[in-house]
C-alpha atoms as a PDB file:
ATOM      1  CA  UNK A   1     105.499  81.927 121.270  1.00  0.00           C
ATOM      2  CA  UNK A   2     106.460  82.640 117.266  1.00  0.00           C
ATOM      3  CA  UNK A   3     104.806  84.475 114.682  1.00  0.00           C
ATOM      4  CA  UNK A   4     102.912  81.414 113.319  1.00  0.00           C
ATOM      5  CA  UNK A   5     101.436  80.842 117.132  1.00  0.00           C
ATOM      6  CA  UNK A   6      99.839  84.647 117.045  1.00  0.00           C
ATOM      7  CA  UNK A   7      98.498  84.422 113.813  1.00  0.00           C
ATOM      8  CA  UNK A   8      96.705  80.663 113.909  1.00  0.00           C
ATOM      9  CA  UNK A   9      95.287  82.644 117.763  1.00  0.00           C
ATOM     10  CA  UNK A  10      94.386  85.702 115.639  1.00  0.00           C
ATOM     11  CA  UNK A  11      92.170  83.048 113.486  1.00  0.00           C
ATOM     12  CA  UNK A  12      90.425  81.219 115.672  1.00  0.00           C
ATOM     13  CA  UNK A  13      89.586  84.361 117.974  1.00  0.00           C
ATOM     14  CA  UNK A  14      88.406  86.103 114.718  1.00  0.00           C
ATOM     15  CA  UNK A  15      86.727  83.770 113.000  1.00  0.00           C
ATOM     16  CA  UNK A  16      83.518  84.219 115.417  1.00  0.00           C
ATOM     17  CA  UNK A  17      83.819  87.359 115.151  1.00  0.00           C
ATOM     18  CA  UNK A  18      83.895  87.556 111.706  1.00  0.00           C
ATOM     19  CA  UNK A  19      80.925  85.501 111.443  1.00  0.00           C
ATOM     20  CA  UNK A  20      78.422  87.139 114.202  1.00  0.00           C
ATOM     21  CA  UNK A  21      79.529  90.726 112.179  1.00  0.00           C
ATOM     22  CA  UNK A  22      78.327  89.121 109.143  1.00  0.00           C
ATOM     23  CA  UNK A  23      74.836  88.050 109.725  1.00  0.00           C
ATOM     24  CA  UNK A  24      74.684  91.082 111.146  1.00  0.00           C
ATOM     25  CA  UNK A  25      75.470  92.968 108.097  1.00  0.00           C
ATOM     26  CA  UNK A  26      73.189  90.386 105.794  1.00  0.00           C
ATOM     27  CA  UNK A  27      70.308  91.104 108.526  1.00  0.00           C
ATOM     28  CA  UNK A  28      70.889  94.655 108.264  1.00  0.00           C
ATOM     29  CA  UNK A  29      70.808  94.863 104.599  1.00  0.00           C
ATOM     30  CA  UNK A  30      68.129  92.671 104.218  1.00  0.00           C
ATOM     31  CA  UNK A  31      65.841  95.137 106.252  1.00  0.00           C
ATOM     32  CA  UNK A  32      66.781  98.257 104.040  1.00  0.00           C
ATOM     33  CA  UNK A  33      64.039  98.691 102.007  1.00  0.00           C
ATOM     34  CA  UNK A  34      65.305 101.002  99.181  1.00  0.00           C
ATOM     35  CA  UNK A  35      68.757 100.492  97.761  1.00  0.00           C
ATOM     36  CA  UNK A  36      68.971 103.559  96.708  1.00  0.00           C
ATOM     37  CA  UNK A  37      72.231 105.862  97.465  1.00  0.00           C
ATOM     38  CA  UNK A  38      70.642 107.954 100.163  1.00  0.00           C
ATOM     39  CA  UNK A  39      68.906 104.943 102.345  1.00  0.00           C
ATOM     40  CA  UNK A  40      72.555 103.242 101.998  1.00  0.00           C
ATOM     41  CA  UNK A  41      73.900 106.573 102.869  1.00  0.00           C
ATOM     42  CA  UNK A  42      71.876 107.211 106.046  1.00  0.00           C
ATOM     43  CA  UNK A  43      72.477 103.244 107.006  1.00  0.00           C
ATOM     44  CA  UNK A  44      76.750 104.202 107.263  1.00  0.00           C
ATOM     45  CA  UNK A  45      76.147 107.515 108.715  1.00  0.00           C
ATOM     46  CA  UNK A  46      74.937 105.619 112.112  1.00  0.00           C
ATOM     47  CA  UNK A  47      78.779 105.560 113.558  1.00  0.00           C
ATOM     48  CA  UNK A  48      77.373 102.415 114.920  1.00  0.00           C
ATOM     49  CA  UNK A  49      76.887 100.590 111.390  1.00  0.00           C
ATOM     50  CA  UNK A  50      79.938 102.674 110.250  1.00  0.00           C
ATOM     51  CA  UNK A  51      82.305 100.887 113.051  1.00  0.00           C
ATOM     52  CA  UNK A  52      80.739  97.596 112.915  1.00  0.00           C
ATOM     53  CA  UNK A  53      81.617  97.380 108.896  1.00  0.00           C
ATOM     54  CA  UNK A  54      84.848  98.909 109.063  1.00  0.00           C
ATOM     55  CA  UNK A  55      85.703  95.764 111.978  1.00  0.00           C
ATOM     56  CA  UNK A  56      84.022  93.240 109.743  1.00  0.00           C
ATOM     57  CA  UNK A  57      85.860  94.465 107.077  1.00  0.00           C
ATOM     58  CA  UNK A  58      89.391  94.835 108.644  1.00  0.00           C
ATOM     59  CA  UNK A  59      89.268  91.932 110.783  1.00  0.00           C
ATOM     60  CA  UNK A  60      88.407  89.997 107.626  1.00  0.00           C
ATOM     61  CA  UNK A  61      90.914  91.593 105.597  1.00  0.00           C
ATOM     62  CA  UNK A  62      93.884  90.455 108.032  1.00  0.00           C
ATOM     63  CA  UNK A  63      92.383  86.858 108.138  1.00  0.00           C
ATOM     64  CA  UNK A  64      92.217  86.264 104.542  1.00  0.00           C
ATOM     65  CA  UNK A  65      95.476  87.897 103.833  1.00  0.00           C
ATOM     66  CA  UNK A  66      96.941  85.318 106.648  1.00  0.00           C
ATOM     67  CA  UNK A  67      95.297  82.716 104.348  1.00  0.00           C
ATOM     68  CA  UNK A  68      96.845  83.992 101.414  1.00  0.00           C
ATOM     69  CA  UNK A  69     100.199  83.815 102.320  1.00  0.00           C
ATOM     70  CA  UNK A  70      99.627  80.789 104.104  1.00  0.00           C
ATOM     71  CA  UNK A  71      98.987  79.393 100.858  1.00  0.00           C
ATOM     72  CA  UNK A  72     101.280  81.281  98.913  1.00  0.00           C
ATOM     73  CA  UNK A  73     104.429  79.268 101.399  1.00  0.00           C
ATOM     74  CA  UNK A  74     102.987  76.181 101.102  1.00  0.00           C
ATOM     75  CA  UNK A  75     102.121  76.417  96.906  1.00  0.00           C
ATOM     76  CA  UNK A  76     105.631  78.462  95.836  1.00  0.00           C
ATOM     77  CA  UNK A  77     107.994  78.765  98.416  1.00  0.00           C
ATOM     78  CA  UNK A  78     111.648  78.543  97.032  1.00  0.00           C
ATOM     79  CA  UNK A  79     110.162  79.119  93.556  1.00  0.00           C
ATOM     80  CA  UNK A  80     111.281  81.924  91.280  1.00  0.00           C
ATOM     81  CA  UNK A  81     108.023  83.542  91.806  1.00  0.00           C
ATOM     82  CA  UNK A  82     107.235  83.315  95.371  1.00  0.00           C
ATOM     83  CA  UNK A  83     108.565  87.286  95.671  1.00  0.00           C
ATOM     84  CA  UNK A  84     106.752  88.471  92.545  1.00  0.00           C
ATOM     85  CA  UNK A  85     103.239  86.880  93.918  1.00  0.00           C
ATOM     86  CA  UNK A  86     103.869  87.970  97.605  1.00  0.00           C
ATOM     87  CA  UNK A  87     104.753  91.661  96.147  1.00  0.00           C
ATOM     88  CA  UNK A  88     101.624  91.411  93.956  1.00  0.00           C
ATOM     89  CA  UNK A  89      99.133  90.389  96.888  1.00  0.00           C
ATOM     90  CA  UNK A  90     100.362  93.077  99.176  1.00  0.00           C
ATOM     91  CA  UNK A  91      99.874  95.748  96.697  1.00  0.00           C
ATOM     92  CA  UNK A  92      96.043  93.753  96.247  1.00  0.00           C
ATOM     93  CA  UNK A  93      95.660  94.149 100.076  1.00  0.00           C
ATOM     94  CA  UNK A  94      97.260  97.681  99.948  1.00  0.00           C
ATOM     95  CA  UNK A  95      94.903  98.878  97.438  1.00  0.00           C
ATOM     96  CA  UNK A  96      91.556  97.114  99.285  1.00  0.00           C
ATOM     97  CA  UNK A  97      92.619  98.799 102.644  1.00  0.00           C
ATOM     98  CA  UNK A  98      92.970 102.684 100.978  1.00  0.00           C
ATOM     99  CA  UNK A  99      89.674 102.106  99.320  1.00  0.00           C
ATOM    100  CA  UNK A 100      88.135 101.320 102.188  1.00  0.00           C
ATOM    101  CA  UNK A 101      89.949 104.452 103.902  1.00  0.00           C
ATOM    102  CA  UNK A 102      88.660 106.395 101.164  1.00  0.00           C
ATOM    103  CA  UNK A 103      85.128 105.419 101.547  1.00  0.00           C
ATOM    104  CA  UNK A 104      85.113 106.197 105.669  1.00  0.00           C
ATOM    105  CA  UNK A 105      86.136 109.948 104.726  1.00  0.00           C
ATOM    106  CA  UNK A 106      84.142 110.583 102.162  1.00  0.00           C
ATOM    107  CA  UNK A 107      81.049 109.302 104.622  1.00  0.00           C
ATOM    108  CA  UNK A 108      82.758 110.742 108.270  1.00  0.00           C
ATOM    109  CA  UNK A 109      83.071 114.214 105.846  1.00  0.00           C
ATOM    110  CA  UNK A 110      80.648 114.464 103.483  1.00  0.00           C
END
């Protein structure tokens, strides 16, 4: 199988998982009484909540990256801006991933 087949399979498998985890997050956010720092911190201090939150964001990040790069290939293939756009998108995804890592690091250590 080529890489496009693996991407397709990943998207079909990850979509229901992302949907279920999104409903889980919405349900838990709805049941948080106070939206202050302390309450949110306690929510993420629970390792199960933190783990599910990380899984949701990583799966969503990979899922959207596949779609974004697929769209770039559809609309900008063999143009002079294609590599620049892909580079810019990779930088944005790297910033998002690093912010998630910093968030998890702060929750776990502090």
